[in-house]
């Protein structure tokens, strides 16, 4: 296998071009789903490869519980610098588990705190908190059969007119209907598993907000109303909104979202292959697909080597 065994660890770099192209040329719904799937696949491949590198590199250490055959020279020959790579993989895996665990714990803690903030309020689809700080976010359902809620402060409602309030509620309903919290969590876990996937996490966060913007524009019937609502809400929002939940006007590329809403609606179909954008996007997607297949092939080949060396 040679150095190709390390490919799953660095091939996520090839996903950066598709993230850039998807943000600008795909419908936000398609971009969000595509980038989340790419991030998840590449993160799983790189994590599996890291685990197998650790196994091969540490199998020859005294006192390890692994089969003795895994330390044979034939097995170790599959990994260049096996001792160095294997021992380096141990702290890398521990850091990966710790960071991913922290992401999950923070996600759970934030949702619990948000739910506790609603204690004592009527169980309505929209919860209005008597807070002068302007914020709004979608709180997903805690159980499968329960419904999610929209949380908005009086400070936010005071900044918006009637039409803009409808845009806000339509935006948050789109987050709940699309289960954007799950997509964002997958993207955060993927970035925690492999730092090279952080640009994809950023792209997924932006595309999810754009997805909700477009759905709100359809519901309200005016793209300018949604753009105006975001523009009015953004300058003072962000401090009280839970960072892991999708919100209406978050800190970040608000000018890009407003500019996108003032432009014509994005195409819902994939760009034609005969156009320059279509060719570039198809090329990027093919490149990412080849990268993912190469990652999976390297990880599975290393697994097959270990399995073949295991005595029956």
Protein backbone atom coordinates (compact mmCIF):
# COMPACT_ATOMS: atom_id res chain seq x y z
CA UNK A 1 0.00 0.00 0.00
CA UNK A 2 2.88 2.40 0.74
CA UNK A 3 2.11 6.04 1.40
CA UNK A 4 -1.39 5.59 -0.06
CA UNK A 5 -2.47 4.27 3.32
CA UNK A 6 -2.27 7.86 4.61
CA UNK A 7 -4.56 9.24 1.89
CA UNK A 8 -7.77 9.18 3.95
CA UNK A 9 -6.18 11.63 6.39
CA UNK A 10 -5.41 14.32 3.79
CA UNK A 11 -7.93 13.73 1.01
CA UNK A 12 -10.57 15.91 2.73
CA UNK A 13 -8.54 18.81 1.32
CA UNK A 14 -10.00 17.93 -2.08
CA UNK A 15 -13.50 18.75 -0.81
CA UNK A 16 -12.72 22.46 -0.49
CA UNK A 17 -13.39 23.30 -4.16
CA UNK A 18 -16.80 21.60 -4.14
CA UNK A 19 -17.74 23.52 -0.99
CA UNK A 20 -16.94 26.80 -2.68
CA UNK A 21 -18.78 25.93 -5.88
CA UNK A 22 -21.80 24.47 -4.08
CA UNK A 23 -22.22 27.64 -1.99
CA UNK A 24 -22.37 29.84 -5.06
CA UNK A 25 -24.02 27.75 -7.77
CA UNK A 26 -26.31 25.13 -6.18
CA UNK A 27 -29.67 25.60 -4.56
CA UNK A 28 -29.00 25.90 -0.80
CA UNK A 29 -31.04 22.76 -0.07
CA UNK A 30 -28.93 20.66 -2.45
CA UNK A 31 -25.71 22.29 -1.25
CA UNK A 32 -26.48 21.60 2.41
CA UNK A 33 -27.30 17.94 1.86
CA UNK A 34 -24.39 17.35 -0.53
CA UNK A 35 -21.76 18.98 1.67
CA UNK A 36 -23.04 17.24 4.80
CA UNK A 37 -22.87 13.84 3.11
CA UNK A 38 -19.36 14.53 1.76
CA UNK A 39 -18.13 15.66 5.17
CA UNK A 40 -19.61 12.60 6.90
CA UNK A 41 -18.10 10.10 4.43
CA UNK A 42 -14.64 11.65 4.50
CA UNK A 43 -14.67 11.92 8.30
CA UNK A 44 -15.62 8.25 8.71
CA UNK A 45 -12.90 7.14 6.29
CA UNK A 46 -10.19 9.20 7.95
CA UNK A 47 -11.21 8.04 11.43
CA UNK A 48 -11.23 4.38 10.39
CA UNK A 49 -7.82 4.79 8.76
CA UNK A 50 -6.43 6.42 11.91
CA UNK A 51 -7.71 3.56 14.04
CA UNK A 52 -6.17 0.94 11.76
CA UNK A 53 -2.85 2.79 11.70
CA UNK A 54 -2.83 2.72 15.47
CA UNK A 55 -3.52 -1.03 15.48
CA UNK A 56 -0.74 -1.84 13.03
CA UNK A 57 1.75 0.51 14.64
CA UNK A 58 1.22 -0.66 18.22
CA UNK A 59 0.64 -4.40 17.65
CA UNK A 60 4.30 -5.20 18.29
CA UNK A 61 4.44 -3.41 21.64
CA UNK A 62 4.80 -5.75 24.66
CA UNK A 63 1.67 -6.42 26.67
CA UNK A 64 -0.81 -5.35 24.01
CA UNK A 65 -4.01 -7.42 23.74
CA UNK A 66 -3.89 -7.63 19.94
CA UNK A 67 -3.19 -10.88 18.03
CA UNK A 68 0.52 -11.59 17.68
CA UNK A 69 0.12 -12.08 13.91
CA UNK A 70 -0.70 -8.38 13.55
CA UNK A 71 2.91 -7.56 14.40
CA UNK A 72 4.33 -9.75 11.61
CA UNK A 73 6.70 -7.99 9.20
CA UNK A 74 4.29 -8.65 6.30
CA UNK A 75 1.55 -6.73 8.07
CA UNK A 76 3.81 -3.90 9.21
CA UNK A 77 5.17 -3.55 5.68
CA UNK A 78 1.75 -2.27 4.58
CA UNK A 79 2.32 0.92 6.59
CA UNK A 80 5.45 3.04 6.00
CA UNK A 81 7.10 4.10 9.25
CA UNK A 82 4.62 1.91 11.08
CA UNK A 83 6.01 2.48 14.57
CA UNK A 84 6.04 6.27 14.25
CA UNK A 85 2.63 6.40 12.52
CA UNK A 86 1.06 3.97 14.98
CA UNK A 87 2.28 5.76 18.08
CA UNK A 88 1.32 9.14 16.66
CA UNK A 89 -2.15 7.78 15.91
CA UNK A 90 -2.80 7.04 19.60
CA UNK A 91 -2.88 10.67 20.85
CA UNK A 92 -4.59 11.70 17.60
CA UNK A 93 -7.41 9.23 18.24
CA UNK A 94 -7.70 10.26 21.88
CA UNK A 95 -7.94 13.90 20.83
CA UNK A 96 -10.55 12.99 18.20
CA UNK A 97 -12.70 11.17 20.76
CA UNK A 98 -12.35 14.01 23.24
CA UNK A 99 -13.25 16.73 20.73
CA UNK A 100 -16.20 14.80 19.28
CA UNK A 101 -17.41 14.02 22.80
CA UNK A 102 -17.18 17.69 23.67
CA UNK A 103 -19.23 18.61 20.59
CA UNK A 104 -21.96 16.12 21.58
CA UNK A 105 -21.99 17.20 25.23
CA UNK A 106 -22.18 20.86 24.29
CA UNK A 107 -24.98 20.20 21.83
CA UNK A 108 -26.95 18.31 24.48
CA UNK A 109 -26.24 20.90 27.17
CA UNK A 110 -27.34 23.81 24.99
CA UNK A 111 -30.59 22.08 24.05
CA UNK A 112 -31.32 21.34 27.70
CA UNK A 113 -30.65 24.92 28.76
CA UNK A 114 -32.84 26.21 25.94
CA UNK A 115 -35.63 23.85 26.99
CA UNK A 116 -35.32 24.92 30.64
CA UNK A 117 -35.61 28.56 29.59
CA UNK A 118 -39.10 27.73 28.29
CA UNK A 119 -40.27 26.10 31.52
CA UNK A 120 -43.53 27.60 32.69
CA UNK A 121 -44.44 29.04 29.30
CA UNK A 122 -47.51 27.79 27.37
CA UNK A 123 -46.79 24.81 25.10
CA UNK A 124 -47.32 26.73 21.87
CA UNK A 125 -45.41 26.46 18.57
CA UNK A 126 -43.93 29.93 19.21
CA UNK A 127 -42.42 30.81 22.59
CA UNK A 128 -41.94 34.54 23.25
CA UNK A 129 -39.42 35.31 25.99
CA UNK A 130 -39.60 38.67 27.84
CA UNK A 131 -36.03 39.54 26.96
CA UNK A 132 -34.99 42.93 25.52
CA UNK A 133 -31.99 41.28 23.79
CA UNK A 134 -33.02 40.54 20.16
CA UNK A 135 -32.66 36.88 19.14
CA UNK A 136 -34.63 34.07 17.55
CA UNK A 137 -33.85 30.41 16.99
CA UNK A 138 -35.44 27.04 16.26
CA UNK A 139 -35.51 24.55 19.14
CA UNK A 140 -35.89 21.03 17.69
CA UNK A 141 -38.17 18.48 19.29
CA UNK A 142 -36.61 16.48 22.14
CA UNK A 143 -38.64 13.38 21.30
CA UNK A 144 -39.62 11.92 17.96
CA UNK A 145 -43.36 12.50 18.39
CA UNK A 146 -43.12 15.94 19.92
CA UNK A 147 -42.87 19.09 17.86
CA UNK A 148 -40.16 21.67 17.71
CA UNK A 149 -40.68 25.25 18.81
CA UNK A 150 -39.67 28.69 17.64
CA UNK A 151 -38.09 30.79 20.38
CA UNK A 152 -38.10 34.55 19.91
CA UNK A 153 -37.47 37.44 22.27
CA UNK A 154 -39.61 40.53 22.64
CA UNK A 155 -36.56 42.54 21.69
CA UNK A 156 -36.45 40.81 18.30
CA UNK A 157 -40.16 41.28 17.67
CA UNK A 158 -39.87 44.97 18.53
CA UNK A 159 -37.29 45.44 15.77
CA UNK A 160 -39.46 43.94 13.03
CA UNK A 161 -42.65 44.95 11.29
CA UNK A 162 -45.59 42.55 10.67
CA UNK A 163 -44.31 41.31 7.29
CA UNK A 164 -40.80 40.89 8.65
CA UNK A 165 -42.12 38.90 11.59
CA UNK A 166 -43.81 36.53 9.17
CA UNK A 167 -40.45 36.14 7.42
CA UNK A 168 -38.77 35.36 10.73
CA UNK A 169 -41.31 32.67 11.64
CA UNK A 170 -41.17 31.16 8.13
CA UNK A 171 -37.38 31.03 8.35
CA UNK A 172 -37.43 29.20 11.68
CA UNK A 173 -40.16 26.80 10.54
CA UNK A 174 -37.94 25.90 7.59
CA UNK A 175 -35.14 25.03 10.03
CA UNK A 176 -37.49 22.76 11.97
CA UNK A 177 -39.03 21.12 8.91
CA UNK A 178 -35.62 20.43 7.34
CA UNK A 179 -34.11 19.16 10.62
CA UNK A 180 -31.17 21.45 10.04
CA UNK A 181 -29.95 20.85 13.58
CA UNK A 182 -29.04 17.28 12.62
CA UNK A 183 -27.17 18.36 9.51
CA UNK A 184 -25.25 20.99 11.46
CA UNK A 185 -24.36 18.44 14.15
CA UNK A 186 -23.03 16.00 11.54
CA UNK A 187 -20.92 18.76 9.99
CA UNK A 188 -19.52 19.76 13.39
CA UNK A 189 -18.65 16.17 14.26
CA UNK A 190 -16.95 15.71 10.89
CA UNK A 191 -14.85 18.85 11.43
CA UNK A 192 -13.96 17.64 14.91
CA UNK A 193 -12.86 14.27 13.49
CA UNK A 194 -10.69 15.87 10.79
CA UNK A 195 -9.67 19.56 10.97
CA UNK A 196 -9.33 19.63 7.17
CA UNK A 197 -13.14 19.45 7.03
CA UNK A 198 -13.70 22.73 8.85
CA UNK A 199 -14.37 24.67 5.62
CA UNK A 200 -17.18 22.20 4.90
CA UNK A 201 -18.66 22.84 8.33
CA UNK A 202 -18.67 26.57 7.62
CA UNK A 203 -20.21 25.97 4.21
CA UNK A 204 -22.96 23.73 5.66
CA UNK A 205 -23.82 26.36 8.29
CA UNK A 206 -24.12 29.06 5.64
CA UNK A 207 -26.06 26.88 3.19
CA UNK A 208 -28.54 25.84 5.89
CA UNK A 209 -29.29 29.49 6.64
CA UNK A 210 -29.65 30.21 2.92
CA UNK A 211 -31.99 27.22 2.60
CA UNK A 212 -34.22 28.64 5.32
CA UNK A 213 -34.02 32.09 3.70
CA UNK A 214 -35.27 30.73 0.38
CA UNK A 215 -38.11 28.80 2.03
CA UNK A 216 -39.13 31.92 3.94
CA UNK A 217 -39.10 33.96 0.72
CA UNK A 218 -41.48 31.46 -0.91
CA UNK A 219 -43.79 31.48 2.12
CA UNK A 220 -43.87 35.25 2.47
CA UNK A 221 -43.97 35.87 -1.27
CA UNK A 222 -41.26 38.52 -1.23
CA UNK A 223 -37.51 38.08 -1.24
CA UNK A 224 -37.03 41.75 -0.33
CA UNK A 225 -39.08 41.38 2.85
CA UNK A 226 -36.88 38.50 4.04
CA UNK A 227 -33.73 40.42 3.14
CA UNK A 228 -34.98 43.49 5.00
CA UNK A 229 -35.86 41.39 8.06
CA UNK A 230 -32.39 39.84 8.16
CA UNK A 231 -30.77 43.23 7.72
CA UNK A 232 -32.73 44.74 10.60
CA UNK A 233 -32.28 41.78 12.94
CA UNK A 234 -28.58 41.13 12.33
CA UNK A 235 -26.88 44.24 13.81
CA UNK A 236 -28.02 43.58 17.37
CA UNK A 237 -28.55 39.82 17.46
CA UNK A 238 -26.31 36.91 18.33
CA UNK A 239 -25.40 37.24 22.01
CA UNK A 240 -28.26 35.29 23.58
CA UNK A 241 -28.83 32.76 20.82
CA UNK A 242 -27.54 29.22 21.52
CA UNK A 243 -24.57 28.79 19.20
CA UNK A 244 -25.36 25.22 18.15
CA UNK A 245 -28.97 25.91 17.08
CA UNK A 246 -29.98 27.41 13.73
CA UNK A 247 -31.12 31.00 14.07
CA UNK A 248 -32.60 33.84 12.05
CA UNK A 249 -29.88 36.49 12.01
CA UNK A 250 -26.61 34.98 13.15
CA UNK A 251 -23.18 36.50 13.31
CA UNK A 252 -21.44 35.73 10.03
CA UNK A 253 -22.00 36.34 6.31
CA UNK A 254 -25.25 38.30 6.68
CA UNK A 255 -24.38 40.66 3.76
CA UNK A 256 -23.97 37.63 1.49
CA UNK A 257 -27.39 36.31 2.51
CA UNK A 258 -29.04 39.67 1.93
CA UNK A 259 -27.33 40.03 -1.46
CA UNK A 260 -28.46 36.53 -2.44
CA UNK A 261 -32.06 37.39 -1.56
CA UNK A 262 -31.93 40.59 -3.61
CA UNK A 263 -30.72 38.57 -6.60
CA UNK A 264 -32.91 36.20 -8.67
CA UNK A 265 -33.84 32.89 -7.00
CA UNK A 266 -31.19 30.15 -7.28
CA UNK A 267 -31.89 27.34 -9.76
CA UNK A 268 -33.39 24.23 -8.23
CA UNK A 269 -31.91 21.96 -10.89
CA UNK A 270 -28.28 20.92 -11.18
CA UNK A 271 -26.35 23.25 -13.55
CA UNK A 272 -26.18 21.80 -17.08
CA UNK A 273 -22.96 19.93 -17.76
CA UNK A 274 -22.40 21.97 -20.93
CA UNK A 275 -21.91 25.23 -19.02
CA UNK A 276 -18.67 26.36 -17.42
CA UNK A 277 -20.26 26.25 -13.96
CA UNK A 278 -21.73 22.81 -14.61
CA UNK A 279 -18.40 21.41 -15.80
CA UNK A 280 -16.55 22.87 -12.81
CA UNK A 281 -19.14 21.57 -10.36
CA UNK A 282 -19.26 18.11 -11.90
CA UNK A 283 -15.46 17.99 -11.92
CA UNK A 284 -15.31 18.95 -8.26
CA UNK A 285 -17.95 16.38 -7.30
CA UNK A 286 -16.16 13.67 -9.27
CA UNK A 287 -12.92 14.61 -7.54
CA UNK A 288 -14.49 14.38 -4.11
CA UNK A 289 -16.11 11.05 -5.04
CA UNK A 290 -12.76 9.65 -6.17
CA UNK A 291 -11.21 10.93 -2.95
CA UNK A 292 -13.86 9.25 -0.84
CA UNK A 293 -13.49 5.97 -2.76
CA UNK A 294 -9.71 6.14 -2.41
CA UNK A 295 -10.08 6.76 1.31
CA UNK A 296 -12.47 3.83 1.68
CA UNK A 297 -10.24 1.60 -0.44
CA UNK A 298 -7.16 2.39 1.67
CA UNK A 299 -9.01 1.77 4.92
CA UNK A 300 -10.63 -1.46 3.69
CA UNK A 301 -7.35 -2.77 2.25
CA UNK A 302 -5.60 -2.22 5.55
CA UNK A 303 -8.49 -3.96 7.32
CA UNK A 304 -8.21 -6.89 4.90
CA UNK A 305 -4.49 -7.19 5.63
CA UNK A 306 -5.18 -7.40 9.34
CA UNK A 307 -7.98 -9.91 8.84
CA UNK A 308 -5.81 -12.13 6.62
CA UNK A 309 -3.08 -12.12 9.27
CA UNK A 310 -5.47 -13.10 12.05
CA UNK A 311 -5.20 -16.83 12.86
CA UNK A 312 -8.44 -18.78 12.67
